[in-house]
Amino acid sequence: MSDKTLNLNLDVPVTGTYGWHVDWDRNMDTLDAHPGIKTVTSGTRPPSPWPGQVIFETDSKNLMVFDGDDWALWLPVA
């Protein structure tokens, strides 16, 4: 049985599990914490965001960050 990462719910296999490299096992949380900026529209925001998730809305030209409760304007691009 494996643990899950906090943000993306990725499987974290037990170190040394057949087929997994030890460095990959140790870096699952790092990969999970840096998924990048998702490009969306104001009507297609992620339904289950995590605190700190960043999106770019192509229609409003806004860079938004999820603060744990709601999407907050981070940077207006236009």
PDB file of N, CA and C in Angstrom:
ATOM      1  N   MET A   1       0.842  -1.176   0.000  1.00  0.00           N
ATOM      2  CA  MET A   1       0.000   0.000   0.000  1.00  0.00           C
ATOM      3  C   MET A   1       0.887   1.240   0.000  1.00  0.00           C
ATOM      4  N   SER A   2       0.482   2.250  -0.715  1.00  0.00           N
ATOM      5  CA  SER A   2       1.291   3.460  -0.792  1.00  0.00           C
ATOM      6  C   SER A   2       0.548   4.643  -0.192  1.00  0.00           C
ATOM      7  N   ASP A   3       1.302   5.672   0.143  1.00  0.00           N
ATOM      8  CA  ASP A   3       0.728   6.923   0.629  1.00  0.00           C
ATOM      9  C   ASP A   3       0.356   7.774  -0.572  1.00  0.00           C
ATOM     10  N   LYS A   4      -0.341   8.869  -0.321  1.00  0.00           N
ATOM     11  CA  LYS A   4      -0.739   9.802  -1.378  1.00  0.00           C
ATOM     12  C   LYS A   4      -0.094  11.161  -1.122  1.00  0.00           C
ATOM     13  N   THR A   5       0.229  11.894  -2.204  1.00  0.00           N
ATOM     14  CA  THR A   5       0.748  13.247  -2.055  1.00  0.00           C
ATOM     15  C   THR A   5      -0.410  14.180  -1.720  1.00  0.00           C
ATOM     16  N   LEU A   6      -0.096  15.323  -1.115  1.00  0.00           N
ATOM     17  CA  LEU A   6      -1.091  16.245  -0.601  1.00  0.00           C
ATOM     18  C   LEU A   6      -1.948  16.896  -1.686  1.00  0.00           C
ATOM     19  N   ASN A   7      -1.350  17.418  -2.732  1.00  0.00           N
ATOM     20  CA  ASN A   7      -2.082  18.216  -3.716  1.00  0.00           C
ATOM     21  C   ASN A   7      -2.741  17.406  -4.822  1.00  0.00           C
ATOM     22  N   LEU A   8      -1.970  16.594  -5.492  1.00  0.00           N
ATOM     23  CA  LEU A   8      -2.468  15.887  -6.664  1.00  0.00           C
ATOM     24  C   LEU A   8      -2.894  14.456  -6.381  1.00  0.00           C
ATOM     25  N   ASN A   9      -2.776  14.031  -5.131  1.00  0.00           N
ATOM     26  CA  ASN A   9      -3.170  12.689  -4.728  1.00  0.00           C
ATOM     27  C   ASN A   9      -2.426  11.616  -5.528  1.00  0.00           C
ATOM     28  N   LEU A  10      -1.130  11.864  -5.769  1.00  0.00           N
ATOM     29  CA  LEU A  10      -0.296  10.907  -6.492  1.00  0.00           C
ATOM     30  C   LEU A  10       0.093   9.759  -5.569  1.00  0.00           C
ATOM     31  N   ASP A  11       0.190   8.569  -6.103  1.00  0.00           N
ATOM     32  CA  ASP A  11       0.656   7.433  -5.322  1.00  0.00           C
ATOM     33  C   ASP A  11       2.136   7.588  -5.014  1.00  0.00           C
ATOM     34  N   VAL A  12       2.518   7.374  -3.772  1.00  0.00           N
ATOM     35  CA  VAL A  12       3.914   7.392  -3.358  1.00  0.00           C
ATOM     36  C   VAL A  12       4.257   5.961  -2.962  1.00  0.00           C
ATOM     37  N   PRO A  13       4.938   5.226  -3.844  1.00  0.00           N
ATOM     38  CA  PRO A  13       5.251   3.839  -3.536  1.00  0.00           C
ATOM     39  C   PRO A  13       6.283   3.719  -2.425  1.00  0.00           C
ATOM     40  N   VAL A  14       6.272   2.615  -1.770  1.00  0.00           N
ATOM     41  CA  VAL A  14       7.242   2.339  -0.719  1.00  0.00           C
ATOM     42  C   VAL A  14       8.626   2.303  -1.353  1.00  0.00           C
ATOM     43  N   THR A  15       9.606   2.963  -0.724  1.00  0.00           N
ATOM     44  CA  THR A  15      10.963   2.995  -1.259  1.00  0.00           C
ATOM     45  C   THR A  15      11.460   1.581  -1.510  1.00  0.00           C
ATOM     46  N   GLY A  16      11.999   1.380  -2.698  1.00  0.00           N
ATOM     47  CA  GLY A  16      12.539   0.078  -3.056  1.00  0.00           C
ATOM     48  C   GLY A  16      11.520  -0.843  -3.710  1.00  0.00           C
ATOM     49  N   THR A  17      10.287  -0.370  -3.891  1.00  0.00           N
ATOM     50  CA  THR A  17       9.282  -1.184  -4.555  1.00  0.00           C
ATOM     51  C   THR A  17       9.765  -1.506  -5.961  1.00  0.00           C
ATOM     52  N   TYR A  18       9.596  -2.725  -6.389  1.00  0.00           N
ATOM     53  CA  TYR A  18      10.059  -3.151  -7.701  1.00  0.00           C
ATOM     54  C   TYR A  18       9.547  -2.207  -8.784  1.00  0.00           C
ATOM     55  N   GLY A  19      10.444  -1.770  -9.646  1.00  0.00           N
ATOM     56  CA  GLY A  19      10.082  -0.916 -10.762  1.00  0.00           C
ATOM     57  C   GLY A  19      10.186   0.578 -10.474  1.00  0.00           C
ATOM     58  N   TRP A  20      10.384   0.954  -9.229  1.00  0.00           N
ATOM     59  CA  TRP A  20      10.503   2.370  -8.883  1.00  0.00           C
ATOM     60  C   TRP A  20      11.938   2.668  -8.471  1.00  0.00           C
ATOM     61  N   HIS A  21      12.438   3.775  -8.951  1.00  0.00           N
ATOM     62  CA  HIS A  21      13.781   4.208  -8.599  1.00  0.00           C
ATOM     63  C   HIS A  21      13.705   5.004  -7.303  1.00  0.00           C
ATOM     64  N   VAL A  22      14.669   4.837  -6.411  1.00  0.00           N
ATOM     65  CA  VAL A  22      14.652   5.483  -5.099  1.00  0.00           C
ATOM     66  C   VAL A  22      14.536   7.001  -5.227  1.00  0.00           C
ATOM     67  N   ASP A  23      15.268   7.643  -6.162  1.00  0.00           N
ATOM     68  CA  ASP A  23      15.192   9.095  -6.308  1.00  0.00           C
ATOM     69  C   ASP A  23      13.781   9.540  -6.696  1.00  0.00           C
ATOM     70  N   TRP A  24      13.110   8.764  -7.500  1.00  0.00           N
ATOM     71  CA  TRP A  24      11.720   9.087  -7.878  1.00  0.00           C
ATOM     72  C   TRP A  24      10.836   9.028  -6.634  1.00  0.00           C
ATOM     73  N   ASP A  25      10.992   7.996  -5.837  1.00  0.00           N
ATOM     74  CA  ASP A  25      10.201   7.853  -4.610  1.00  0.00           C
ATOM     75  C   ASP A  25      10.361   9.078  -3.719  1.00  0.00           C
ATOM     76  N   ARG A  26      11.578   9.529  -3.538  1.00  0.00           N
ATOM     77  CA  ARG A  26      11.859  10.658  -2.641  1.00  0.00           C
ATOM     78  C   ARG A  26      11.341  11.983  -3.184  1.00  0.00           C
ATOM     79  N   ASN A  27      11.141  12.089  -4.475  1.00  0.00           N
ATOM     80  CA  ASN A  27      10.752  13.364  -5.085  1.00  0.00           C
ATOM     81  C   ASN A  27       9.270  13.478  -5.420  1.00  0.00           C
ATOM     82  N   MET A  28       8.458  12.519  -5.049  1.00  0.00           N
ATOM     83  CA  MET A  28       7.028  12.598  -5.353  1.00  0.00           C
ATOM     84  C   MET A  28       6.389  13.845  -4.741  1.00  0.00           C
ATOM     85  N   ASP A  29       6.738  14.193  -3.498  1.00  0.00           N
ATOM     86  CA  ASP A  29       6.165  15.383  -2.872  1.00  0.00           C
ATOM     87  C   ASP A  29       6.627  16.652  -3.580  1.00  0.00           C
ATOM     88  N   THR A  30       7.863  16.696  -4.055  1.00  0.00           N
ATOM     89  CA  THR A  30       8.361  17.853  -4.795  1.00  0.00           C
ATOM     90  C   THR A  30       7.599  18.010  -6.095  1.00  0.00           C
ATOM     91  N   LEU A  31       7.403  16.915  -6.814  1.00  0.00           N
ATOM     92  CA  LEU A  31       6.635  16.967  -8.058  1.00  0.00           C
ATOM     93  C   LEU A  31       5.205  17.404  -7.796  1.00  0.00           C
ATOM     94  N   ASP A  32       4.638  16.927  -6.730  1.00  0.00           N
ATOM     95  CA  ASP A  32       3.261  17.259  -6.368  1.00  0.00           C
ATOM     96  C   ASP A  32       3.111  18.735  -6.039  1.00  0.00           C
ATOM     97  N   ALA A  33       4.109  19.338  -5.432  1.00  0.00           N
ATOM     98  CA  ALA A  33       4.020  20.730  -5.001  1.00  0.00           C
ATOM     99  C   ALA A  33       4.232  21.725  -6.141  1.00  0.00           C
ATOM    100  N   HIS A  34       4.729  21.276  -7.278  1.00  0.00           N
ATOM    101  CA  HIS A  34       5.041  22.183  -8.377  1.00  0.00           C
ATOM    102  C   HIS A  34       4.383  21.747  -9.677  1.00  0.00           C
ATOM    103  N   PRO A  35       3.058  21.669  -9.701  1.00  0.00           N
ATOM    104  CA  PRO A  35       2.398  21.195 -10.916  1.00  0.00           C
ATOM    105  C   PRO A  35       2.328  22.218 -12.037  1.00  0.00           C
ATOM    106  N   GLY A  36       2.719  23.453 -11.788  1.00  0.00           N
ATOM    107  CA  GLY A  36       2.704  24.461 -12.833  1.00  0.00           C
ATOM    108  C   GLY A  36       1.402  25.239 -12.864  1.00  0.00           C
ATOM    109  N   ILE A  37       1.309  26.138 -13.819  1.00  0.00           N
ATOM    110  CA  ILE A  37       0.129  26.982 -13.966  1.00  0.00           C
ATOM    111  C   ILE A  37      -0.799  26.341 -14.989  1.00  0.00           C
ATOM    112  N   LYS A  38      -2.047  26.185 -14.602  1.00  0.00           N
ATOM    113  CA  LYS A  38      -3.045  25.599 -15.488  1.00  0.00           C
ATOM    114  C   LYS A  38      -3.719  26.715 -16.274  1.00  0.00           C
ATOM    115  N   THR A  39      -3.878  26.549 -17.586  1.00  0.00           N
ATOM    116  CA  THR A  39      -4.550  27.521 -18.422  1.00  0.00           C
ATOM    117  C   THR A  39      -6.012  27.127 -18.555  1.00  0.00           C
ATOM    118  N   VAL A  40      -6.904  28.066 -18.201  1.00  0.00           N
ATOM    119  CA  VAL A  40      -8.347  27.811 -18.193  1.00  0.00           C
ATOM    120  C   VAL A  40      -9.077  29.057 -18.692  1.00  0.00           C
ATOM    121  N   THR A  41     -10.404  29.027 -18.623  1.00  0.00           N
ATOM    122  CA  THR A  41     -11.209  30.234 -18.803  1.00  0.00           C
ATOM    123  C   THR A  41     -11.895  30.488 -17.464  1.00  0.00           C
ATOM    124  N   SER A  42     -12.511  31.650 -17.323  1.00  0.00           N
ATOM    125  CA  SER A  42     -13.170  31.958 -16.056  1.00  0.00           C
ATOM    126  C   SER A  42     -14.310  30.988 -15.767  1.00  0.00           C
ATOM    127  N   GLY A  43     -14.824  30.307 -16.788  1.00  0.00           N
ATOM    128  CA  GLY A  43     -15.899  29.336 -16.603  1.00  0.00           C
ATOM    129  C   GLY A  43     -15.421  27.905 -16.437  1.00  0.00           C
ATOM    130  N   THR A  44     -14.116  27.683 -16.583  1.00  0.00           N
ATOM    131  CA  THR A  44     -13.601  26.307 -16.476  1.00  0.00           C
ATOM    132  C   THR A  44     -12.514  26.178 -15.417  1.00  0.00           C
ATOM    133  N   ARG A  45     -12.643  26.931 -14.337  1.00  0.00           N
ATOM    134  CA  ARG A  45     -11.686  26.830 -13.229  1.00  0.00           C
ATOM    135  C   ARG A  45     -11.732  25.416 -12.650  1.00  0.00           C
ATOM    136  N   PRO A  46     -10.617  24.932 -12.104  1.00  0.00           N
ATOM    137  CA  PRO A  46     -10.597  23.589 -11.525  1.00  0.00           C
ATOM    138  C   PRO A  46     -11.661  23.439 -10.430  1.00  0.00           C
ATOM    139  N   PRO A  47     -12.412  22.336 -10.435  1.00  0.00           N
ATOM    140  CA  PRO A  47     -13.480  22.149  -9.455  1.00  0.00           C
ATOM    141  C   PRO A  47     -12.979  21.818  -8.050  1.00  0.00           C
ATOM    142  N   SER A  48     -11.780  21.292  -7.929  1.00  0.00           N
ATOM    143  CA  SER A  48     -11.235  20.921  -6.616  1.00  0.00           C
ATOM    144  C   SER A  48      -9.830  21.483  -6.456  1.00  0.00           C
ATOM    145  N   PRO A  49      -9.694  22.823  -6.392  1.00  0.00           N
ATOM    146  CA  PRO A  49      -8.353  23.412  -6.276  1.00  0.00           C
ATOM    147  C   PRO A  49      -7.765  23.212  -4.887  1.00  0.00           C
ATOM    148  N   TRP A  50      -6.440  23.325  -4.813  1.00  0.00           N
ATOM    149  CA  TRP A  50      -5.759  23.258  -3.529  1.00  0.00           C
ATOM    150  C   TRP A  50      -5.169  24.637  -3.236  1.00  0.00           C
ATOM    151  N   PRO A  51      -4.976  24.970  -1.964  1.00  0.00           N
ATOM    152  CA  PRO A  51      -4.397  26.261  -1.620  1.00  0.00           C
ATOM    153  C   PRO A  51      -3.038  26.455  -2.301  1.00  0.00           C
ATOM    154  N   GLY A  52      -2.898  27.568  -2.991  1.00  0.00           N
ATOM    155  CA  GLY A  52      -1.660  27.867  -3.702  1.00  0.00           C
ATOM    156  C   GLY A  52      -1.701  27.506  -5.170  1.00  0.00           C
ATOM    157  N   GLN A  53      -2.763  26.835  -5.622  1.00  0.00           N
ATOM    158  CA  GLN A  53      -2.855  26.500  -7.046  1.00  0.00           C
ATOM    159  C   GLN A  53      -2.994  27.782  -7.849  1.00  0.00           C
ATOM    160  N   VAL A  54      -2.296  27.853  -8.969  1.00  0.00           N
ATOM    161  CA  VAL A  54      -2.294  29.042  -9.820  1.00  0.00           C
ATOM    162  C   VAL A  54      -2.903  28.690 -11.166  1.00  0.00           C
ATOM    163  N   ILE A  55      -3.752  29.594 -11.662  1.00  0.00           N
ATOM    164  CA  ILE A  55      -4.350  29.424 -12.985  1.00  0.00           C
ATOM    165  C   ILE A  55      -4.210  30.723 -13.769  1.00  0.00           C
ATOM    166  N   PHE A  56      -4.214  30.600 -15.097  1.00  0.00           N
ATOM    167  CA  PHE A  56      -4.269  31.765 -15.979  1.00  0.00           C
ATOM    168  C   PHE A  56      -5.555  31.662 -16.765  1.00  0.00           C
ATOM    169  N   GLU A  57      -6.408  32.690 -16.649  1.00  0.00           N
ATOM    170  CA  GLU A  57      -7.669  32.718 -17.378  1.00  0.00           C
ATOM    171  C   GLU A  57      -7.455  33.412 -18.719  1.00  0.00           C
ATOM    172  N   THR A  58      -7.649  32.663 -19.798  1.00  0.00           N
ATOM    173  CA  THR A  58      -7.389  33.214 -21.124  1.00  0.00           C
ATOM    174  C   THR A  58      -8.411  34.267 -21.534  1.00  0.00           C
ATOM    175  N   ASP A  59      -9.638  34.175 -21.018  1.00  0.00           N
ATOM    176  CA  ASP A  59     -10.654  35.155 -21.404  1.00  0.00           C
ATOM    177  C   ASP A  59     -10.520  36.470 -20.632  1.00  0.00           C
ATOM    178  N   SER A  60     -10.215  36.408 -19.344  1.00  0.00           N
ATOM    179  CA  SER A  60     -10.088  37.627 -18.537  1.00  0.00           C
ATOM    180  C   SER A  60      -8.653  38.155 -18.514  1.00  0.00           C
ATOM    181  N   LYS A  61      -7.709  37.309 -18.936  1.00  0.00           N
ATOM    182  CA  LYS A  61      -6.275  37.644 -18.912  1.00  0.00           C
ATOM    183  C   LYS A  61      -5.762  37.861 -17.489  1.00  0.00           C
ATOM    184  N   ASN A  62      -6.364  37.163 -16.519  1.00  0.00           N
ATOM    185  CA  ASN A  62      -5.957  37.289 -15.127  1.00  0.00           C
ATOM    186  C   ASN A  62      -5.204  36.056 -14.660  1.00  0.00           C
ATOM    187  N   LEU A  63      -4.219  36.292 -13.825  1.00  0.00           N
ATOM    188  CA  LEU A  63      -3.502  35.234 -13.137  1.00  0.00           C
ATOM    189  C   LEU A  63      -4.141  35.148 -11.756  1.00  0.00           C
ATOM    190  N   MET A  64      -4.641  33.954 -11.404  1.00  0.00           N
ATOM    191  CA  MET A  64      -5.386  33.784 -10.171  1.00  0.00           C
ATOM    192  C   MET A  64      -4.700  32.741  -9.293  1.00  0.00           C
ATOM    193  N   VAL A  65      -4.847  32.891  -7.973  1.00  0.00           N
ATOM    194  CA  VAL A  65      -4.323  31.911  -7.032  1.00  0.00           C
ATOM    195  C   VAL A  65      -5.455  31.529  -6.082  1.00  0.00           C
ATOM    196  N   PHE A  66      -5.531  30.243  -5.753  1.00  0.00           N
ATOM    197  CA  PHE A  66      -6.555  29.784  -4.816  1.00  0.00           C
ATOM    198  C   PHE A  66      -6.013  29.947  -3.405  1.00  0.00           C
ATOM    199  N   ASP A  67      -6.725  30.722  -2.578  1.00  0.00           N
ATOM    200  CA  ASP A  67      -6.231  31.023  -1.228  1.00  0.00           C
ATOM    201  C   ASP A  67      -6.738  30.064  -0.158  1.00  0.00           C
ATOM    202  N   GLY A  68      -7.398  29.010  -0.574  1.00  0.00           N
ATOM    203  CA  GLY A  68      -7.950  28.040   0.371  1.00  0.00           C
ATOM    204  C   GLY A  68      -9.447  28.164   0.509  1.00  0.00           C
ATOM    205  N   ASP A  69      -9.977  29.352   0.191  1.00  0.00           N
ATOM    206  CA  ASP A  69     -11.416  29.594   0.254  1.00  0.00           C
ATOM    207  C   ASP A  69     -11.992  30.013  -1.092  1.00  0.00           C
ATOM    208  N   ASP A  70     -11.232  30.785  -1.851  1.00  0.00           N
ATOM    209  CA  ASP A  70     -11.725  31.323  -3.114  1.00  0.00           C
ATOM    210  C   ASP A  70     -10.542  31.664  -4.014  1.00  0.00           C
ATOM    211  N   TRP A  71     -10.831  31.936  -5.272  1.00  0.00           N
ATOM    212  CA  TRP A  71      -9.811  32.373  -6.223  1.00  0.00           C
ATOM    213  C   TRP A  71      -9.559  33.851  -6.006  1.00  0.00           C
ATOM    214  N   ALA A  72      -8.308  34.246  -5.892  1.00  0.00           N
ATOM    215  CA  ALA A  72      -7.936  35.636  -5.692  1.00  0.00           C
ATOM    216  C   ALA A  72      -7.107  36.113  -6.882  1.00  0.00           C
ATOM    217  N   LEU A  73      -7.347  37.351  -7.279  1.00  0.00           N
ATOM    218  CA  LEU A  73      -6.574  37.940  -8.363  1.00  0.00           C
ATOM    219  C   LEU A  73      -5.138  38.082  -7.904  1.00  0.00           C
ATOM    220  N   TRP A  74      -4.233  37.477  -8.633  1.00  0.00           N
ATOM    221  CA  TRP A  74      -2.821  37.565  -8.297  1.00  0.00           C
ATOM    222  C   TRP A  74      -2.182  38.673  -9.107  1.00  0.00           C
ATOM    223  N   LEU A  75      -2.505  38.665 -10.390  1.00  0.00           N
ATOM    224  CA  LEU A  75      -1.894  39.644 -11.273  1.00  0.00           C
ATOM    225  C   LEU A  75      -2.769  39.831 -12.505  1.00  0.00           C
ATOM    226  N   PRO A  76      -3.280  41.041 -12.701  1.00  0.00           N
ATOM    227  CA  PRO A  76      -4.004  41.275 -13.953  1.00  0.00           C
ATOM    228  C   PRO A  76      -2.983  41.435 -15.078  1.00  0.00           C
ATOM    229  N   VAL A  77      -3.111  40.639 -16.120  1.00  0.00           N
ATOM    230  CA  VAL A  77      -2.147  40.665 -17.214  1.00  0.00           C
ATOM    231  C   VAL A  77      -2.474  41.760 -18.202  1.00  0.00           C
ATOM    232  N   ALA A  78      -3.760  41.983 -18.451  1.00  0.00           N
ATOM    233  CA  ALA A  78      -4.169  42.968 -19.467  1.00  0.00           C
ATOM    234  C   ALA A  78      -4.041  44.381 -18.950  1.00  0.00           C
TER     235      ALA A  78
END
